[in-house]
Amino acid sequence: MRNALSYRDALRALNQAAYAAASACKNEADKNKLKQICFETDALVDALPSRTDLNFHGEVPVLVQGVRT
């Protein structure tokens, strides 16, 4: 059985995979959809707390219309 990734690592892997798929895609309509996934996963990765954030206690940041709350 494969080891499970942490939430942080899984989001980063998803973000990297989205960029790889968009780069490899030849169909312009599909490429645009994949780029949207890239932007969405960028926001999720950007919202991750810093590893040095001493006040972080495992809460997942909430995004409301693209704004971290």
PDB file of N, CA and C in Angstrom:
ATOM      1  N   MET A   1       0.844  -1.190   0.000  1.00  0.00           N
ATOM      2  CA  MET A   1       0.000   0.000   0.000  1.00  0.00           C
ATOM      3  C   MET A   1       0.883   1.245   0.000  1.00  0.00           C
ATOM      4  N   ARG A   2       0.501   2.221  -0.752  1.00  0.00           N
ATOM      5  CA  ARG A   2       1.255   3.455  -0.899  1.00  0.00           C
ATOM      6  C   ARG A   2       1.037   4.384   0.292  1.00  0.00           C
ATOM      7  N   ASN A   3       2.082   5.077   0.707  1.00  0.00           N
ATOM      8  CA  ASN A   3       1.948   6.044   1.793  1.00  0.00           C
ATOM      9  C   ASN A   3       1.098   7.219   1.337  1.00  0.00           C
ATOM     10  N   ALA A   4       0.234   7.666   2.215  1.00  0.00           N
ATOM     11  CA  ALA A   4      -0.623   8.802   1.895  1.00  0.00           C
ATOM     12  C   ALA A   4       0.178  10.097   1.990  1.00  0.00           C
ATOM     13  N   LEU A   5      -0.093  11.012   1.095  1.00  0.00           N
ATOM     14  CA  LEU A   5       0.539  12.320   1.126  1.00  0.00           C
ATOM     15  C   LEU A   5      -0.156  13.202   2.150  1.00  0.00           C
ATOM     16  N   SER A   6       0.565  14.169   2.672  1.00  0.00           N
ATOM     17  CA  SER A   6      -0.073  15.168   3.524  1.00  0.00           C
ATOM     18  C   SER A   6      -0.939  16.061   2.643  1.00  0.00           C
ATOM     19  N   TYR A   7      -1.830  16.803   3.249  1.00  0.00           N
ATOM     20  CA  TYR A   7      -2.689  17.734   2.515  1.00  0.00           C
ATOM     21  C   TYR A   7      -1.828  18.713   1.720  1.00  0.00           C
ATOM     22  N   ARG A   8      -0.807  19.268   2.349  1.00  0.00           N
ATOM     23  CA  ARG A   8       0.098  20.231   1.720  1.00  0.00           C
ATOM     24  C   ARG A   8       0.783  19.606   0.501  1.00  0.00           C
ATOM     25  N   ASP A   9       1.342  18.415   0.678  1.00  0.00           N
ATOM     26  CA  ASP A   9       2.048  17.745  -0.416  1.00  0.00           C
ATOM     27  C   ASP A   9       1.100  17.342  -1.539  1.00  0.00           C
ATOM     28  N   ALA A  10      -0.103  16.911  -1.188  1.00  0.00           N
ATOM     29  CA  ALA A  10      -1.086  16.512  -2.194  1.00  0.00           C
ATOM     30  C   ALA A  10      -1.529  17.717  -3.027  1.00  0.00           C
ATOM     31  N   LEU A  11      -1.728  18.875  -2.391  1.00  0.00           N
ATOM     32  CA  LEU A  11      -2.104  20.077  -3.137  1.00  0.00           C
ATOM     33  C   LEU A  11      -0.995  20.500  -4.087  1.00  0.00           C
ATOM     34  N   ARG A  12       0.225  20.438  -3.615  1.00  0.00           N
ATOM     35  CA  ARG A  12       1.350  20.822  -4.473  1.00  0.00           C
ATOM     36  C   ARG A  12       1.492  19.850  -5.648  1.00  0.00           C
ATOM     37  N   ALA A  13       1.288  18.571  -5.403  1.00  0.00           N
ATOM     38  CA  ALA A  13       1.359  17.574  -6.478  1.00  0.00           C
ATOM     39  C   ALA A  13       0.240  17.802  -7.492  1.00  0.00           C
ATOM     40  N   LEU A  14      -0.961  18.127  -7.003  1.00  0.00           N
ATOM     41  CA  LEU A  14      -2.083  18.414  -7.885  1.00  0.00           C
ATOM     42  C   LEU A  14      -1.789  19.640  -8.737  1.00  0.00           C
ATOM     43  N   ASN A  15      -1.223  20.661  -8.133  1.00  0.00           N
ATOM     44  CA  ASN A  15      -0.870  21.886  -8.837  1.00  0.00           C
ATOM     45  C   ASN A  15       0.171  21.603  -9.922  1.00  0.00           C
ATOM     46  N   GLN A  16       1.193  20.835  -9.593  1.00  0.00           N
ATOM     47  CA  GLN A  16       2.225  20.489 -10.577  1.00  0.00           C
ATOM     48  C   GLN A  16       1.640  19.653 -11.710  1.00  0.00           C
ATOM     49  N   ALA A  17       0.751  18.728 -11.382  1.00  0.00           N
ATOM     50  CA  ALA A  17       0.134  17.890 -12.406  1.00  0.00           C
ATOM     51  C   ALA A  17      -0.756  18.719 -13.331  1.00  0.00           C
ATOM     52  N   ALA A  18      -1.450  19.692 -12.783  1.00  0.00           N
ATOM     53  CA  ALA A  18      -2.298  20.559 -13.602  1.00  0.00           C
ATOM     54  C   ALA A  18      -1.457  21.338 -14.605  1.00  0.00           C
ATOM     55  N   TYR A  19      -0.328  21.877 -14.155  1.00  0.00           N
ATOM     56  CA  TYR A  19       0.559  22.597 -15.066  1.00  0.00           C
ATOM     57  C   TYR A  19       1.148  21.681 -16.125  1.00  0.00           C
ATOM     58  N   ALA A  20       1.527  20.469 -15.739  1.00  0.00           N
ATOM     59  CA  ALA A  20       2.084  19.517 -16.702  1.00  0.00           C
ATOM     60  C   ALA A  20       1.045  19.147 -17.753  1.00  0.00           C
ATOM     61  N   ALA A  21      -0.194  18.934 -17.323  1.00  0.00           N
ATOM     62  CA  ALA A  21      -1.260  18.582 -18.262  1.00  0.00           C
ATOM     63  C   ALA A  21      -1.550  19.740 -19.216  1.00  0.00           C
ATOM     64  N   ALA A  22      -1.586  20.953 -18.693  1.00  0.00           N
ATOM     65  CA  ALA A  22      -1.849  22.120 -19.536  1.00  0.00           C
ATOM     66  C   ALA A  22      -0.726  22.305 -20.559  1.00  0.00           C
ATOM     67  N   SER A  23       0.495  22.077 -20.135  1.00  0.00           N
ATOM     68  CA  SER A  23       1.642  22.219 -21.049  1.00  0.00           C
ATOM     69  C   SER A  23       1.614  21.178 -22.157  1.00  0.00           C
ATOM     70  N   ALA A  24       1.151  19.989 -21.849  1.00  0.00           N
ATOM     71  CA  ALA A  24       1.149  18.895 -22.819  1.00  0.00           C
ATOM     72  C   ALA A  24      -0.067  18.906 -23.734  1.00  0.00           C
ATOM     73  N   CYS A  25      -1.106  19.610 -23.354  1.00  0.00           N
ATOM     74  CA  CYS A  25      -2.372  19.587 -24.089  1.00  0.00           C
ATOM     75  C   CYS A  25      -2.258  20.330 -25.415  1.00  0.00           C
ATOM     76  N   LYS A  26      -2.766  19.738 -26.464  1.00  0.00           N
ATOM     77  CA  LYS A  26      -2.748  20.340 -27.805  1.00  0.00           C
ATOM     78  C   LYS A  26      -4.067  21.028 -28.153  1.00  0.00           C
ATOM     79  N   ASN A  27      -5.166  20.579 -27.532  1.00  0.00           N
ATOM     80  CA  ASN A  27      -6.491  21.127 -27.803  1.00  0.00           C
ATOM     81  C   ASN A  27      -6.675  22.422 -27.011  1.00  0.00           C
ATOM     82  N   GLU A  28      -6.934  23.522 -27.723  1.00  0.00           N
ATOM     83  CA  GLU A  28      -7.008  24.840 -27.076  1.00  0.00           C
ATOM     84  C   GLU A  28      -8.136  24.934 -26.047  1.00  0.00           C
ATOM     85  N   ALA A  29      -9.293  24.357 -26.330  1.00  0.00           N
ATOM     86  CA  ALA A  29     -10.413  24.406 -25.386  1.00  0.00           C
ATOM     87  C   ALA A  29     -10.067  23.648 -24.107  1.00  0.00           C
ATOM     88  N   ASP A  30      -9.486  22.469 -24.264  1.00  0.00           N
ATOM     89  CA  ASP A  30      -9.092  21.690 -23.086  1.00  0.00           C
ATOM     90  C   ASP A  30      -7.962  22.381 -22.328  1.00  0.00           C
ATOM     91  N   LYS A  31      -7.033  22.992 -23.080  1.00  0.00           N
ATOM     92  CA  LYS A  31      -5.919  23.707 -22.450  1.00  0.00           C
ATOM     93  C   LYS A  31      -6.447  24.843 -21.564  1.00  0.00           C
ATOM     94  N   ASN A  32      -7.477  25.563 -22.041  1.00  0.00           N
ATOM     95  CA  ASN A  32      -8.069  26.647 -21.251  1.00  0.00           C
ATOM     96  C   ASN A  32      -8.719  26.124 -19.976  1.00  0.00           C
ATOM     97  N   LYS A  33      -9.372  24.972 -20.058  1.00  0.00           N
ATOM     98  CA  LYS A  33      -9.963  24.357 -18.861  1.00  0.00           C
ATOM     99  C   LYS A  33      -8.874  23.960 -17.872  1.00  0.00           C
ATOM    100  N   LEU A  34      -7.786  23.409 -18.392  1.00  0.00           N
ATOM    101  CA  LEU A  34      -6.674  23.004 -17.523  1.00  0.00           C
ATOM    102  C   LEU A  34      -5.998  24.215 -16.893  1.00  0.00           C
ATOM    103  N   LYS A  35      -5.899  25.311 -17.639  1.00  0.00           N
ATOM    104  CA  LYS A  35      -5.328  26.531 -17.071  1.00  0.00           C
ATOM    105  C   LYS A  35      -6.177  27.041 -15.906  1.00  0.00           C
ATOM    106  N   GLN A  36      -7.488  26.908 -16.017  1.00  0.00           N
ATOM    107  CA  GLN A  36      -8.367  27.315 -14.912  1.00  0.00           C
ATOM    108  C   GLN A  36      -8.082  26.464 -13.678  1.00  0.00           C
ATOM    109  N   ILE A  37      -7.861  25.164 -13.874  1.00  0.00           N
ATOM    110  CA  ILE A  37      -7.496  24.293 -12.755  1.00  0.00           C
ATOM    111  C   ILE A  37      -6.164  24.745 -12.166  1.00  0.00           C
ATOM    112  N   CYS A  38      -5.235  25.151 -13.018  1.00  0.00           N
ATOM    113  CA  CYS A  38      -3.946  25.670 -12.526  1.00  0.00           C
ATOM    114  C   CYS A  38      -4.165  26.881 -11.624  1.00  0.00           C
ATOM    115  N   PHE A  39      -4.994  27.813 -12.069  1.00  0.00           N
ATOM    116  CA  PHE A  39      -5.252  29.023 -11.276  1.00  0.00           C
ATOM    117  C   PHE A  39      -5.921  28.683  -9.942  1.00  0.00           C
ATOM    118  N   GLU A  40      -6.863  27.748  -9.978  1.00  0.00           N
ATOM    119  CA  GLU A  40      -7.560  27.351  -8.750  1.00  0.00           C
ATOM    120  C   GLU A  40      -6.607  26.669  -7.763  1.00  0.00           C
ATOM    121  N   THR A  41      -5.760  25.785  -8.286  1.00  0.00           N
ATOM    122  CA  THR A  41      -4.825  25.102  -7.391  1.00  0.00           C
ATOM    123  C   THR A  41      -3.714  26.046  -6.927  1.00  0.00           C
ATOM    124  N   ASP A  42      -3.362  27.050  -7.756  1.00  0.00           N
ATOM    125  CA  ASP A  42      -2.419  28.082  -7.303  1.00  0.00           C
ATOM    126  C   ASP A  42      -2.960  28.768  -6.049  1.00  0.00           C
ATOM    127  N   ALA A  43      -4.239  29.121  -6.079  1.00  0.00           N
ATOM    128  CA  ALA A  43      -4.858  29.803  -4.941  1.00  0.00           C
ATOM    129  C   ALA A  43      -4.841  28.918  -3.696  1.00  0.00           C
ATOM    130  N   LEU A  44      -5.108  27.636  -3.875  1.00  0.00           N
ATOM    131  CA  LEU A  44      -5.085  26.721  -2.729  1.00  0.00           C
ATOM    132  C   LEU A  44      -3.680  26.582  -2.148  1.00  0.00           C
ATOM    133  N   VAL A  45      -2.685  26.459  -3.022  1.00  0.00           N
ATOM    134  CA  VAL A  45      -1.298  26.346  -2.563  1.00  0.00           C
ATOM    135  C   VAL A  45      -0.871  27.642  -1.880  1.00  0.00           C
ATOM    136  N   ASP A  46      -1.222  28.777  -2.474  1.00  0.00           N
ATOM    137  CA  ASP A  46      -0.869  30.068  -1.882  1.00  0.00           C
ATOM    138  C   ASP A  46      -1.507  30.272  -0.514  1.00  0.00           C
ATOM    139  N   ALA A  47      -2.655  29.659  -0.298  1.00  0.00           N
ATOM    140  CA  ALA A  47      -3.369  29.810   0.968  1.00  0.00           C
ATOM    141  C   ALA A  47      -2.833  28.898   2.072  1.00  0.00           C
ATOM    142  N   LEU A  48      -1.949  27.971   1.701  1.00  0.00           N
ATOM    143  CA  LEU A  48      -1.381  27.095   2.728  1.00  0.00           C
ATOM    144  C   LEU A  48      -0.584  27.924   3.727  1.00  0.00           C
ATOM    145  N   PRO A  49      -0.697  27.595   4.994  1.00  0.00           N
ATOM    146  CA  PRO A  49       0.088  28.335   5.988  1.00  0.00           C
ATOM    147  C   PRO A  49       1.582  28.050   5.800  1.00  0.00           C
ATOM    148  N   SER A  50       2.366  29.002   6.167  1.00  0.00           N
ATOM    149  CA  SER A  50       3.816  28.846   6.104  1.00  0.00           C
ATOM    150  C   SER A  50       4.260  27.771   7.082  1.00  0.00           C
ATOM    151  N   ARG A  51       5.318  27.066   6.735  1.00  0.00           N
ATOM    152  CA  ARG A  51       5.874  26.066   7.657  1.00  0.00           C
ATOM    153  C   ARG A  51       6.362  26.719   8.943  1.00  0.00           C
ATOM    154  N   THR A  52       6.645  28.001   8.903  1.00  0.00           N
ATOM    155  CA  THR A  52       7.146  28.702  10.084  1.00  0.00           C
ATOM    156  C   THR A  52       6.044  29.396  10.865  1.00  0.00           C
ATOM    157  N   ASP A  53       4.799  29.263  10.415  1.00  0.00           N
ATOM    158  CA  ASP A  53       3.687  29.891  11.121  1.00  0.00           C
ATOM    159  C   ASP A  53       3.448  29.157  12.432  1.00  0.00           C
ATOM    160  N   LEU A  54       3.835  29.770  13.531  1.00  0.00           N
ATOM    161  CA  LEU A  54       3.754  29.109  14.834  1.00  0.00           C
ATOM    162  C   LEU A  54       2.337  29.019  15.376  1.00  0.00           C
ATOM    163  N   ASN A  55       1.420  29.798  14.816  1.00  0.00           N
ATOM    164  CA  ASN A  55       0.034  29.770  15.284  1.00  0.00           C
ATOM    165  C   ASN A  55      -0.815  28.745  14.549  1.00  0.00           C
ATOM    166  N   PHE A  56      -0.245  28.046  13.584  1.00  0.00           N
ATOM    167  CA  PHE A  56      -0.994  27.061  12.806  1.00  0.00           C
ATOM    168  C   PHE A  56      -1.218  25.805  13.645  1.00  0.00           C
ATOM    169  N   HIS A  57      -2.477  25.382  13.713  1.00  0.00           N
ATOM    170  CA  HIS A  57      -2.845  24.193  14.499  1.00  0.00           C
ATOM    171  C   HIS A  57      -3.612  23.181  13.672  1.00  0.00           C
ATOM    172  N   GLY A  58      -3.362  23.145  12.372  1.00  0.00           N
ATOM    173  CA  GLY A  58      -3.994  22.149  11.524  1.00  0.00           C
ATOM    174  C   GLY A  58      -5.250  22.607  10.825  1.00  0.00           C
ATOM    175  N   GLU A  59      -5.645  23.880  11.025  1.00  0.00           N
ATOM    176  CA  GLU A  59      -6.835  24.366  10.352  1.00  0.00           C
ATOM    177  C   GLU A  59      -6.535  24.560   8.871  1.00  0.00           C
ATOM    178  N   VAL A  60      -7.488  24.214   8.031  1.00  0.00           N
ATOM    179  CA  VAL A  60      -7.342  24.423   6.600  1.00  0.00           C
ATOM    180  C   VAL A  60      -7.869  25.813   6.289  1.00  0.00           C
ATOM    181  N   PRO A  61      -7.075  26.671   5.606  1.00  0.00           N
ATOM    182  CA  PRO A  61      -7.553  28.009   5.269  1.00  0.00           C
ATOM    183  C   PRO A  61      -8.821  27.931   4.414  1.00  0.00           C
ATOM    184  N   VAL A  62      -9.717  28.851   4.638  1.00  0.00           N
ATOM    185  CA  VAL A  62     -10.974  28.889   3.906  1.00  0.00           C
ATOM    186  C   VAL A  62     -10.877  29.975   2.851  1.00  0.00           C
ATOM    187  N   LEU A  63     -11.236  29.625   1.622  1.00  0.00           N
ATOM    188  CA  LEU A  63     -11.267  30.607   0.546  1.00  0.00           C
ATOM    189  C   LEU A  63     -12.706  30.991   0.262  1.00  0.00           C
ATOM    190  N   VAL A  64     -12.981  32.296   0.325  1.00  0.00           N
ATOM    191  CA  VAL A  64     -14.299  32.785   0.001  1.00  0.00           C
ATOM    192  C   VAL A  64     -14.137  33.744  -1.160  1.00  0.00           C
ATOM    193  N   GLN A  65     -14.632  33.367  -2.302  1.00  0.00           N
ATOM    194  CA  GLN A  65     -14.516  34.129  -3.527  1.00  0.00           C
ATOM    195  C   GLN A  65     -13.076  34.596  -3.755  1.00  0.00           C
ATOM    196  N   GLY A  66     -12.121  33.665  -3.546  1.00  0.00           N
ATOM    197  CA  GLY A  66     -10.735  33.932  -3.816  1.00  0.00           C
ATOM    198  C   GLY A  66      -9.997  34.702  -2.741  1.00  0.00           C
ATOM    199  N   VAL A  67     -10.657  34.980  -1.595  1.00  0.00           N
ATOM    200  CA  VAL A  67     -10.014  35.724  -0.521  1.00  0.00           C
ATOM    201  C   VAL A  67      -9.813  34.798   0.665  1.00  0.00           C
ATOM    202  N   ARG A  68      -8.600  34.780   1.187  1.00  0.00           N
ATOM    203  CA  ARG A  68      -8.318  33.947   2.361  1.00  0.00           C
ATOM    204  C   ARG A  68      -8.911  34.607   3.588  1.00  0.00           C
ATOM    205  N   THR A  69      -9.662  33.816   4.355  1.00  0.00           N
ATOM    206  CA  THR A  69     -10.271  34.380   5.577  1.00  0.00           C
ATOM    207  C   THR A  69      -9.656  33.765   6.791  1.00  0.00           C
TER     208      THR A  69
END
